[in-house]
Amino acid sequence: MGRPREFDEAQALERAMDAFWRHGYAGTSLPDLLTAMDIGRSSFYETFGSKRAAFEAALELYDARVTGRVRDALNAPGPVRAVVEGVLSELVTRALSGEVRGCMVGNTAVELAPHDPAIRARLAASMAGVEDAFAKRLTIARDAGELAPETDPRALARTFLSVIHGVRVVAKARPEKEVLEDITRTALGMLGTDPTGRTDPPPAHSPFP
């Protein structure tokens, strides 16, 4: 019988996710990764096998935990405008909180997707999950009369996907409230006129767990 592991594997993976998220795949050396995870080399290889395998596991964790929040938020009850507004408001709030890591999916898309087909496929699946969640919510809203009958939920979903990733990229260089709220306010305009007539910025409430 092998010796029991002397570390918390879930905690170590979370630390790996943070390291990769902050520094990227190439920017995180194996010694840096071991230090961040607070485990030894032998334990690392026994548990994760390789830096690449640890990175893929970290991406999976990110998708379940961070990207999953967006998908879950889009399933919240209420008018579609309020639901999407909540998602975008939370996006701006996090960007203005001093968090400069951006999006791990977006960061990895820039770093690895152009020359790594396996990673590209993984990222595409993650993005497709968010797109599908938007498309489902927007289809329900259109069929309920909240959106114009000619609305194309799939095209609109892809646009909001781009807005989410775009805000995170812009925020890394320009974490300015006015800039980010202009982007999200304009994006909300794609849903049509706010029935309340409100024109002020999205409220700072969070639909996320």
Protein backbone atom coordinates (compact mmCIF):
# COMPACT_ATOMS: atom_id res chain seq x y z
CA MET A 1 0.00 0.00 0.00
CA GLY A 2 1.41 3.43 -0.95
CA ARG A 3 2.00 6.16 1.53
CA PRO A 4 -0.94 8.56 1.99
CA ARG A 5 -0.46 11.98 0.45
CA GLU A 6 0.60 14.56 3.00
CA PHE A 7 -1.08 17.54 1.37
CA ASP A 8 -4.55 18.71 0.37
CA GLU A 9 -4.79 17.96 -3.36
CA ALA A 10 -7.75 20.29 -3.90
CA GLN A 11 -5.96 23.15 -2.18
CA ALA A 12 -2.78 22.49 -4.14
CA LEU A 13 -4.73 22.58 -7.42
CA GLU A 14 -6.39 25.83 -6.43
CA ARG A 15 -2.96 27.35 -5.79
CA ALA A 16 -1.78 26.05 -9.14
CA MET A 17 -4.78 27.67 -10.81
CA ASP A 18 -3.92 30.98 -9.18
CA ALA A 19 -0.28 30.77 -10.31
CA PHE A 20 -1.16 29.92 -13.90
CA TRP A 21 -3.92 32.53 -13.92
CA ARG A 22 -1.50 35.25 -12.80
CA HIS A 23 1.56 34.30 -14.82
CA GLY A 24 0.40 32.11 -17.70
CA TYR A 25 1.69 28.69 -18.65
CA ALA A 26 5.13 29.69 -19.91
CA GLY A 27 5.54 32.30 -17.17
CA THR A 28 5.06 29.72 -14.43
CA SER A 29 8.18 27.59 -14.10
CA LEU A 30 8.04 24.22 -12.39
CA PRO A 31 9.95 25.54 -9.33
CA ASP A 32 7.52 28.48 -9.16
CA LEU A 33 4.60 26.07 -9.41
CA LEU A 34 5.92 23.80 -6.67
CA THR A 35 6.44 26.80 -4.42
CA ALA A 36 2.94 28.10 -5.10
CA MET A 37 1.38 24.68 -4.48
CA ASP A 38 3.59 24.11 -1.42
CA ILE A 39 4.42 20.54 -2.39
CA GLY A 40 7.56 18.65 -3.30
CA ARG A 41 8.61 17.52 -6.74
CA SER A 42 7.91 13.83 -6.11
CA SER A 43 4.44 14.56 -4.72
CA PHE A 44 3.71 16.77 -7.70
CA TYR A 45 4.63 14.14 -10.27
CA GLU A 46 2.85 11.39 -8.35
CA THR A 47 -0.35 13.41 -8.19
CA PHE A 48 -0.43 15.44 -11.39
CA GLY A 49 2.06 13.74 -13.67
CA SER A 50 3.38 16.83 -15.42
CA LYS A 51 3.19 20.60 -15.56
CA ARG A 52 0.94 20.30 -18.62
CA ALA A 53 -1.45 17.95 -16.82
CA ALA A 54 -1.56 20.28 -13.81
CA PHE A 55 -2.32 23.20 -16.11
CA GLU A 56 -5.17 21.35 -17.79
CA ALA A 57 -6.60 20.44 -14.38
CA ALA A 58 -6.32 24.09 -13.33
CA LEU A 59 -8.18 25.17 -16.47
CA GLU A 60 -10.93 22.67 -15.68
CA LEU A 61 -11.18 24.03 -12.14
CA TYR A 62 -11.34 27.59 -13.45
CA ASP A 63 -14.10 26.66 -15.87
CA ALA A 64 -16.16 25.00 -13.15
CA ARG A 65 -15.65 27.69 -10.55
CA VAL A 66 -15.30 31.02 -12.36
CA THR A 67 -16.87 30.54 -15.78
CA GLY A 68 -19.56 28.43 -14.12
CA ARG A 69 -20.67 31.45 -12.10
CA VAL A 70 -21.61 33.28 -15.28
CA ARG A 71 -23.58 30.30 -16.56
CA ASP A 72 -25.37 29.95 -13.22
CA ALA A 73 -26.12 33.67 -13.04
CA LEU A 74 -27.85 33.56 -16.41
CA ASN A 75 -30.28 30.99 -15.01
CA ALA A 76 -31.43 33.40 -12.30
CA PRO A 77 -35.12 34.38 -12.34
CA GLY A 78 -36.24 37.82 -13.43
CA PRO A 79 -36.38 39.98 -16.55
CA VAL A 80 -33.60 39.28 -18.99
CA ARG A 81 -32.29 42.83 -18.82
CA ALA A 82 -31.91 42.64 -15.05
CA VAL A 83 -30.19 39.24 -15.27
CA VAL A 84 -27.69 40.34 -17.92
CA GLU A 85 -27.19 43.66 -16.14
CA GLY A 86 -26.28 41.74 -13.01
CA VAL A 87 -23.72 39.68 -14.87
CA LEU A 88 -22.08 42.74 -16.42
CA SER A 89 -22.24 44.71 -13.17
CA GLU A 90 -20.40 41.95 -11.35
CA LEU A 91 -17.85 41.87 -14.13
CA VAL A 92 -17.12 45.59 -13.67
CA THR A 93 -17.09 45.31 -9.88
CA ARG A 94 -14.47 42.57 -9.97
CA ALA A 95 -12.39 44.48 -12.52
CA LEU A 96 -12.38 47.57 -10.29
CA SER A 97 -11.51 45.63 -7.15
CA GLY A 98 -7.81 45.59 -7.98
CA GLU A 99 -7.90 42.14 -9.54
CA VAL A 100 -5.60 42.32 -12.55
CA ARG A 101 -5.44 38.66 -13.55
CA GLY A 102 -8.05 39.10 -16.23
CA CYS A 103 -9.69 35.90 -17.44
CA MET A 104 -7.71 32.66 -17.40
CA VAL A 105 -9.58 31.45 -20.48
CA GLY A 106 -8.87 34.68 -22.32
CA ASN A 107 -5.26 34.81 -21.19
CA THR A 108 -4.70 31.23 -22.30
CA ALA A 109 -6.42 31.85 -25.63
CA VAL A 110 -3.86 34.55 -26.39
CA GLU A 111 -0.89 32.57 -25.12
CA LEU A 112 -1.53 29.00 -26.27
CA ALA A 113 -4.57 28.63 -28.51
CA PRO A 114 -2.89 29.74 -31.77
CA HIS A 115 -0.39 26.86 -31.66
CA ASP A 116 -1.94 24.27 -29.31
CA PRO A 117 -4.99 22.53 -30.83
CA ALA A 118 -5.84 20.57 -27.66
CA ILE A 119 -5.90 23.69 -25.50
CA ARG A 120 -7.78 25.58 -28.21
CA ALA A 121 -10.49 22.91 -28.20
CA ARG A 122 -10.73 23.07 -24.40
CA LEU A 123 -11.07 26.86 -24.45
CA ALA A 124 -13.61 26.72 -27.27
CA ALA A 125 -15.74 24.36 -25.20
CA SER A 126 -15.60 26.72 -22.23
CA MET A 127 -16.60 29.70 -24.34
CA ALA A 128 -19.34 27.68 -26.02
CA GLY A 129 -20.78 26.91 -22.58
CA VAL A 130 -21.13 30.61 -21.81
CA GLU A 131 -22.48 31.30 -25.29
CA ASP A 132 -25.07 28.54 -24.90
CA ALA A 133 -26.17 29.89 -21.51
CA PHE A 134 -26.67 33.36 -22.99
CA ALA A 135 -28.46 31.97 -26.05
CA LYS A 136 -30.83 29.91 -23.90
CA ARG A 137 -31.70 32.88 -21.68
CA LEU A 138 -32.12 35.23 -24.63
CA THR A 139 -34.30 32.74 -26.50
CA ILE A 140 -36.61 32.46 -23.49
CA ALA A 141 -36.75 36.25 -23.27
CA ARG A 142 -37.53 36.65 -26.98
CA ASP A 143 -40.27 34.05 -26.86
CA ALA A 144 -41.73 35.79 -23.78
CA GLY A 145 -41.87 39.12 -25.60
CA GLU A 146 -39.02 40.75 -23.65
CA LEU A 147 -36.96 41.12 -26.82
CA ALA A 148 -37.92 42.08 -30.35
CA PRO A 149 -39.28 39.15 -32.40
CA GLU A 150 -36.47 39.50 -34.94
CA THR A 151 -33.78 39.12 -32.26
CA ASP A 152 -31.19 36.45 -33.10
CA PRO A 153 -30.38 34.94 -29.67
CA ARG A 154 -27.30 33.08 -30.92
CA ALA A 155 -25.72 36.14 -32.55
CA LEU A 156 -26.53 38.26 -29.50
CA ALA A 157 -25.09 35.59 -27.20
CA ARG A 158 -21.83 35.62 -29.13
CA THR A 159 -21.71 39.39 -28.86
CA PHE A 160 -22.14 39.29 -25.09
CA LEU A 161 -19.45 36.61 -24.91
CA SER A 162 -17.14 39.04 -26.68
CA VAL A 163 -18.16 41.85 -24.32
CA ILE A 164 -17.31 39.77 -21.27
CA HIS A 165 -13.86 38.89 -22.57
CA GLY A 166 -13.31 42.39 -23.92
CA VAL A 167 -14.09 44.07 -20.58
CA ARG A 168 -11.59 41.83 -18.82
CA VAL A 169 -8.88 42.68 -21.34
CA VAL A 170 -9.57 46.42 -21.29
CA ALA A 171 -9.63 46.41 -17.48
CA LYS A 172 -6.07 45.08 -17.34
CA ALA A 173 -4.83 48.30 -18.96
CA ARG A 174 -7.62 50.72 -18.09
CA PRO A 175 -9.36 49.77 -14.83
CA GLU A 176 -11.51 52.90 -14.98
CA LYS A 177 -15.14 52.81 -13.86
CA GLU A 178 -16.35 55.21 -16.53
CA VAL A 179 -14.68 53.26 -19.32
CA LEU A 180 -15.96 49.86 -18.23
CA GLU A 181 -19.49 51.08 -17.48
CA ASP A 182 -19.68 52.77 -20.88
CA ILE A 183 -18.92 49.40 -22.45
CA THR A 184 -21.47 47.47 -20.42
CA ARG A 185 -24.15 50.15 -20.69
CA THR A 186 -23.81 50.17 -24.46
CA ALA A 187 -23.93 46.37 -24.52
CA LEU A 188 -27.16 46.40 -22.52
CA GLY A 189 -28.62 48.67 -25.18
CA MET A 190 -28.58 45.70 -27.53
CA LEU A 191 -31.45 44.29 -25.48
CA GLY A 192 -33.68 47.21 -26.40
CA THR A 193 -35.20 49.96 -24.32
CA ASP A 194 -35.20 49.49 -20.56
CA PRO A 195 -38.93 49.34 -19.69
CA THR A 196 -38.23 51.34 -16.49
CA GLY A 197 -36.66 54.13 -18.49
CA ARG A 198 -33.54 54.01 -16.33
CA THR A 199 -30.39 55.38 -17.90
CA ASP A 200 -28.00 55.26 -14.93
CA PRO A 201 -25.09 52.77 -14.73
CA PRO A 202 -25.68 49.13 -13.76
CA PRO A 203 -26.09 48.70 -9.99
CA ALA A 204 -23.27 47.08 -8.03
CA HIS A 205 -25.15 43.97 -7.01
CA SER A 206 -23.87 40.46 -7.50
CA PRO A 207 -25.82 37.47 -8.82
CA PHE A 208 -22.86 35.21 -8.09
CA PRO A 209 -22.60 32.74 -5.21
